[in-house]
C-alpha atoms as a PDB file:
ATOM      1  CA  MET A   1      -0.049  -0.061  -0.092  1.00  0.00           C
ATOM      2  CA  LEU A   2       1.309   3.513  -0.836  1.00  0.00           C
ATOM      3  CA  THR A   3       1.052   5.562   2.269  1.00  0.00           C
ATOM      4  CA  TYR A   4       1.990   9.222   2.636  1.00  0.00           C
ATOM      5  CA  ASN A   5       3.253   9.491   6.340  1.00  0.00           C
ATOM      6  CA  GLU A   6       3.616  12.819   7.990  1.00  0.00           C
ATOM      7  CA  TYR A   7       4.513  14.284  11.548  1.00  0.00           C
ATOM      8  CA  GLY A   8       3.645  17.378  13.296  1.00  0.00           C
ATOM      9  CA  ILE A   9      -0.110  17.483  12.208  1.00  0.00           C
ATOM     10  CA  GLU A  10      -1.768  16.018  15.489  1.00  0.00           C
ATOM     11  CA  TYR A  11      -2.365  19.304  17.516  1.00  0.00           C
ATOM     12  CA  ASP A  12      -4.766  22.152  17.227  1.00  0.00           C
ATOM     13  CA  THR A  13      -2.124  24.786  16.760  1.00  0.00           C
ATOM     14  CA  GLU A  14      -1.928  27.332  14.279  1.00  0.00           C
ATOM     15  CA  GLU A  15       1.417  25.907  12.862  1.00  0.00           C
ATOM     16  CA  GLU A  16       0.024  22.329  12.693  1.00  0.00           C
ATOM     17  CA  GLU A  17      -3.318  23.726  11.313  1.00  0.00           C
ATOM     18  CA  LYS A  18      -1.422  25.181   8.412  1.00  0.00           C
ATOM     19  CA  LYS A  19       0.658  22.039   7.952  1.00  0.00           C
ATOM     20  CA  ARG A  20      -2.475  19.806   7.986  1.00  0.00           C
ATOM     21  CA  ALA A  21      -3.963  22.096   5.189  1.00  0.00           C
ATOM     22  CA  ALA A  22      -0.706  21.737   3.131  1.00  0.00           C
ATOM     23  CA  VAL A  23      -0.745  17.959   3.586  1.00  0.00           C
ATOM     24  CA  LEU A  24      -4.368  17.815   2.388  1.00  0.00           C
ATOM     25  CA  GLY A  25      -3.599  19.867  -0.595  1.00  0.00           C
ATOM     26  CA  LEU A  26      -0.665  17.634  -1.526  1.00  0.00           C
ATOM     27  CA  LEU A  27      -2.955  14.640  -0.988  1.00  0.00           C
ATOM     28  CA  ARG A  28      -5.637  16.120  -3.299  1.00  0.00           C
ATOM     29  CA  ARG A  29      -3.170  16.936  -6.030  1.00  0.00           C
ATOM     30  CA  MET A  30      -1.633  13.264  -5.778  1.00  0.00           C
ATOM     31  CA  LYS A  31      -4.940  11.774  -6.135  1.00  0.00           C
ATOM     32  CA  ALA A  32      -6.031  14.029  -9.070  1.00  0.00           C
ATOM     33  CA  ALA A  33      -2.730  13.204 -10.819  1.00  0.00           C
ATOM     34  CA  GLY A  34      -3.577   9.565 -10.628  1.00  0.00           C
ATOM     35  CA  THR A  35      -1.080   8.568  -8.011  1.00  0.00           C
ATOM     36  CA  PRO A  36      -2.256   5.152  -6.518  1.00  0.00           C
ATOM     37  CA  LEU A  37      -2.220   6.415  -2.965  1.00  0.00           C
ATOM     38  CA  ASP A  38      -3.957   4.132  -0.495  1.00  0.00           C
ATOM     39  CA  ALA A  39      -3.480   5.851   3.036  1.00  0.00           C
ATOM     40  CA  LEU A  40      -2.371   8.742   5.145  1.00  0.00           C
ATOM     41  CA  GLY A  41      -0.008   7.978   8.030  1.00  0.00           C
ATOM     42  CA  ILE A  42       0.015  10.128  10.950  1.00  0.00           C
ATOM     43  CA  GLN A  43       3.188   9.683  12.978  1.00  0.00           C
ATOM     44  CA  SER A  44       1.725  10.512  16.425  1.00  0.00           C
ATOM     45  CA  HIS A  45       4.916  11.231  18.527  1.00  0.00           C
ATOM     46  CA  ILE A  46       2.585  13.157  21.019  1.00  0.00           C
ATOM     47  CA  HIS A  47       3.214  14.685  24.544  1.00  0.00           C
ATOM     48  CA  ALA A  48       1.845  14.334  28.028  1.00  0.00           C
ATOM     49  CA  GLY A  49       2.085  17.372  30.268  1.00  0.00           C
ATOM     50  CA  GLY A  50       2.169  19.932  27.592  1.00  0.00           C
ATOM     51  CA  LYS A  51      -0.318  22.730  26.857  1.00  0.00           C
ATOM     52  CA  ASP A  52      -1.204  21.734  23.346  1.00  0.00           C
ATOM     53  CA  THR A  53      -4.337  19.856  22.552  1.00  0.00           C
ATOM     54  CA  PHE A  54      -5.649  17.601  19.851  1.00  0.00           C
ATOM     55  CA  GLY A  55      -9.172  17.008  18.684  1.00  0.00           C
ATOM     56  CA  LYS A  56     -11.050  19.209  16.206  1.00  0.00           C
ATOM     57  CA  GLY A  57      -8.190  19.422  13.596  1.00  0.00           C
ATOM     58  CA  LEU A  58      -7.123  15.762  13.966  1.00  0.00           C
ATOM     59  CA  THR A  59     -10.637  14.740  13.539  1.00  0.00           C
ATOM     60  CA  GLU A  60     -11.030  16.915  10.394  1.00  0.00           C
ATOM     61  CA  LEU A  61      -7.876  15.699   8.726  1.00  0.00           C
ATOM     62  CA  ILE A  62      -8.904  12.066   9.227  1.00  0.00           C
ATOM     63  CA  THR A  63     -12.487  12.867   7.941  1.00  0.00           C
ATOM     64  CA  SER A  64     -10.989  14.703   4.845  1.00  0.00           C
ATOM     65  CA  ALA A  65      -8.646  11.783   4.004  1.00  0.00           C
ATOM     66  CA  ARG A  66     -11.471   9.324   4.425  1.00  0.00           C
ATOM     67  CA  GLU A  67     -13.507  11.435   1.884  1.00  0.00           C
ATOM     68  CA  MET A  68     -10.640  11.054  -0.432  1.00  0.00           C
ATOM     69  CA  GLY A  69     -10.913   7.344  -0.153  1.00  0.00           C
ATOM     70  CA  LEU A  70      -7.745   7.036   1.783  1.00  0.00           C
ATOM     71  CA  GLN A  71      -7.237   4.612   4.896  1.00  0.00           C
ATOM     72  CA  VAL A  72      -5.600   6.181   7.969  1.00  0.00           C
ATOM     73  CA  PHE A  73      -2.706   4.729   9.792  1.00  0.00           C
ATOM     74  CA  ILE A  74      -1.621   5.851  13.182  1.00  0.00           C
ATOM     75  CA  THR A  75       2.335   5.361  12.920  1.00  0.00           C
ATOM     76  CA  GLU A  76       5.148   5.643  15.161  1.00  0.00           C
ATOM     77  CA  MET A  77       3.022   6.409  18.164  1.00  0.00           C
ATOM     78  CA  ASP A  78       4.611   7.109  21.636  1.00  0.00           C
ATOM     79  CA  VAL A  79       3.818   9.608  24.274  1.00  0.00           C
ATOM     80  CA  LYS A  80       6.765  11.916  25.416  1.00  0.00           C
ATOM     81  CA  ASP A  81       6.763  12.493  28.968  1.00  0.00           C
ATOM     82  CA  GLU A  82       9.428  15.048  29.315  1.00  0.00           C
ATOM     83  CA  ASP A  83       6.866  17.891  30.202  1.00  0.00           C
ATOM     84  CA  ILE A  84       5.314  16.019  33.179  1.00  0.00           C
ATOM     85  CA  ASP A  85       6.436  17.806  36.382  1.00  0.00           C
ATOM     86  CA  SER A  86       6.987  15.008  38.375  1.00  0.00           C
ATOM     87  CA  ASN A  87       9.529  12.162  39.004  1.00  0.00           C
ATOM     88  CA  ASP A  88       6.938   9.823  40.511  1.00  0.00           C
ATOM     89  CA  VAL A  89       6.694   6.772  37.939  1.00  0.00           C
ATOM     90  CA  SER A  90       3.088   6.168  39.015  1.00  0.00           C
ATOM     91  CA  VAL A  91       2.197  10.001  37.981  1.00  0.00           C
ATOM     92  CA  ILE A  92       4.182   9.785  34.755  1.00  0.00           C
ATOM     93  CA  ASP A  93       2.544   6.481  33.754  1.00  0.00           C
ATOM     94  CA  ARG A  94      -0.822   7.633  34.654  1.00  0.00           C
ATOM     95  CA  GLU A  95      -0.468  10.854  32.626  1.00  0.00           C
ATOM     96  CA  VAL A  96       1.116   8.922  29.679  1.00  0.00           C
ATOM     97  CA  ALA A  97      -1.837   6.560  29.832  1.00  0.00           C
ATOM     98  CA  ASN A  98      -4.418   9.315  29.741  1.00  0.00           C
ATOM     99  CA  VAL A  99      -2.769  10.604  26.677  1.00  0.00           C
ATOM    100  CA  TYR A 100      -2.910   7.405  24.909  1.00  0.00           C
ATOM    101  CA  ARG A 101      -6.607   6.895  25.909  1.00  0.00           C
ATOM    102  CA  ASP A 102      -7.637  10.438  24.914  1.00  0.00           C
ATOM    103  CA  TYR A 103      -5.860  10.230  21.578  1.00  0.00           C
ATOM    104  CA  LEU A 104      -6.835   6.742  20.536  1.00  0.00           C
ATOM    105  CA  THR A 105     -10.351   7.349  21.495  1.00  0.00           C
ATOM    106  CA  THR A 106     -10.361  10.479  19.301  1.00  0.00           C
ATOM    107  CA  VAL A 107      -8.849   8.821  16.129  1.00  0.00           C
ATOM    108  CA  LEU A 108     -10.571   5.583  16.343  1.00  0.00           C
ATOM    109  CA  ARG A 109     -13.990   7.236  16.220  1.00  0.00           C
ATOM    110  CA  ASP A 110     -13.498   7.222  12.364  1.00  0.00           C
ATOM    111  CA  PRO A 111     -13.722   3.837  10.580  1.00  0.00           C
ATOM    112  CA  SER A 112     -10.987   4.813   8.229  1.00  0.00           C
ATOM    113  CA  VAL A 113      -8.397   4.463  10.923  1.00  0.00           C
ATOM    114  CA  LYS A 114      -7.168   0.814   9.984  1.00  0.00           C
ATOM    115  CA  ALA A 115      -3.884   0.543  12.106  1.00  0.00           C
ATOM    116  CA  VAL A 116      -2.160   1.824  14.996  1.00  0.00           C
ATOM    117  CA  LEU A 117       1.609   1.013  15.254  1.00  0.00           C
ATOM    118  CA  THR A 118       3.762   2.095  18.282  1.00  0.00           C
ATOM    119  CA  TRP A 119       7.279   3.292  17.827  1.00  0.00           C
ATOM    120  CA  GLY A 120       8.682   0.418  19.993  1.00  0.00           C
ATOM    121  CA  VAL A 121       6.873  -1.760  22.466  1.00  0.00           C
ATOM    122  CA  SER A 122       9.034  -1.565  25.700  1.00  0.00           C
ATOM    123  CA  ASP A 123      10.642   1.393  27.496  1.00  0.00           C
ATOM    124  CA  LYS A 124      13.859  -0.623  27.627  1.00  0.00           C
ATOM    125  CA  HIS A 125      14.807   0.329  23.861  1.00  0.00           C
ATOM    126  CA  THR A 126      12.930   3.604  23.295  1.00  0.00           C
ATOM    127  CA  TRP A 127      14.652   6.278  21.222  1.00  0.00           C
ATOM    128  CA  LEU A 128      13.312   8.782  23.842  1.00  0.00           C
ATOM    129  CA  ASN A 129      16.077   7.787  26.204  1.00  0.00           C
ATOM    130  CA  SER A 130      18.861   8.834  23.829  1.00  0.00           C
ATOM    131  CA  PRO A 131      21.005  11.819  25.288  1.00  0.00           C
ATOM    132  CA  SER A 132      19.601  14.095  22.341  1.00  0.00           C
ATOM    133  CA  GLN A 133      15.988  13.565  23.621  1.00  0.00           C
ATOM    134  CA  HIS A 134      16.431  14.101  27.184  1.00  0.00           C
ATOM    135  CA  LYS A 135      16.764  17.963  27.764  1.00  0.00           C
ATOM    136  CA  LYS A 136      14.332  18.780  30.338  1.00  0.00           C
ATOM    137  CA  ASN A 137      14.846  15.902  32.775  1.00  0.00           C
ATOM    138  CA  PRO A 138      18.449  14.603  32.276  1.00  0.00           C
ATOM    139  CA  GLY A 139      18.845  11.400  34.226  1.00  0.00           C
ATOM    140  CA  ARG A 140      14.997  10.578  34.396  1.00  0.00           C
ATOM    141  CA  LEU A 141      14.272   7.584  32.011  1.00  0.00           C
ATOM    142  CA  ALA A 142      11.404   8.000  29.513  1.00  0.00           C
ATOM    143  CA  ARG A 143       8.209   5.880  29.878  1.00  0.00           C
ATOM    144  CA  PRO A 144       6.660   6.491  26.645  1.00  0.00           C
ATOM    145  CA  LEU A 145       5.502   2.866  25.575  1.00  0.00           C
ATOM    146  CA  PRO A 146       2.940   0.164  26.608  1.00  0.00           C
ATOM    147  CA  PHE A 147       5.376  -1.988  28.368  1.00  0.00           C
ATOM    148  CA  ASP A 148       8.088  -1.236  30.957  1.00  0.00           C
ATOM    149  CA  LYS A 149      11.728  -1.977  30.748  1.00  0.00           C
ATOM    150  CA  GLU A 150      10.955  -5.534  31.951  1.00  0.00           C
ATOM    151  CA  TYR A 151       8.301  -6.070  29.380  1.00  0.00           C
ATOM    152  CA  ALA A 152       5.506  -5.669  32.166  1.00  0.00           C
ATOM    153  CA  PRO A 153       2.425  -4.105  30.924  1.00  0.00           C
ATOM    154  CA  LYS A 154       1.900  -0.408  32.081  1.00  0.00           C
ATOM    155  CA  GLU A 155      -1.248   1.789  32.360  1.00  0.00           C
ATOM    156  CA  ALA A 156      -0.565   2.694  28.675  1.00  0.00           C
ATOM    157  CA  PHE A 157      -1.283  -0.749  27.633  1.00  0.00           C
ATOM    158  CA  PHE A 158      -4.565  -0.971  29.334  1.00  0.00           C
ATOM    159  CA  ALA A 159      -5.546   2.611  28.075  1.00  0.00           C
ATOM    160  CA  ILE A 160      -4.597   1.349  24.412  1.00  0.00           C
ATOM    161  CA  ARG A 161      -6.660  -1.825  25.088  1.00  0.00           C
ATOM    162  CA  ASP A 162      -9.676   0.271  26.332  1.00  0.00           C
ATOM    163  CA  ALA A 163      -9.597   2.634  23.490  1.00  0.00           C
ATOM    164  CA  PHE A 164      -9.638  -0.415  21.186  1.00  0.00           C
ATOM    165  CA  ASP A 165     -12.469  -2.050  23.023  1.00  0.00           C
ATOM    166  CA  GLY A 166     -14.493   1.041  23.042  1.00  0.00           C
ATOM    167  CA  ALA A 167     -14.147   1.541  19.338  1.00  0.00           C
ATOM    168  CA  LYS A 168     -16.616   0.576  16.675  1.00  0.00           C
ATOM    169  CA  LYS A 169     -15.677  -2.537  14.833  1.00  0.00           C
ATOM    170  CA  ARG A 170     -14.061  -2.071  11.204  1.00  0.00           C
END
């Protein structure tokens, strides 16, 4: 399947609104030119503890992709926790799980969303623990994925499961 995959189009900010409009324009031109495009991928490196929100713009993007006959894939999903103002693992895990639940509940409302792929499975090997990614909380290991470093399920795993259980069957 030919998929156009993009980042930085999830949040309801002015910058990301402009980028969504540009992406939709590109997809329309590709379809009009006969490009055999099958899907839009939304990279979904999202944040917990930040001020930006998602919802309306993301929903409109997915609806527009569906109206063009495209499937939608949530790709590379993880939840960055560097903006959470706590070193308490239970607080971090709860906030990360809430973001997974809210985000997936939002995107899974549309039946054109056919796949959700995380950017890793376990915190043990997350790219977010590389030195270049730990700017705000150096020394605190990131906890962005459904399983901890021992591969035990975290609250994020159950939040993901709950979002899928609550979604309409495809």
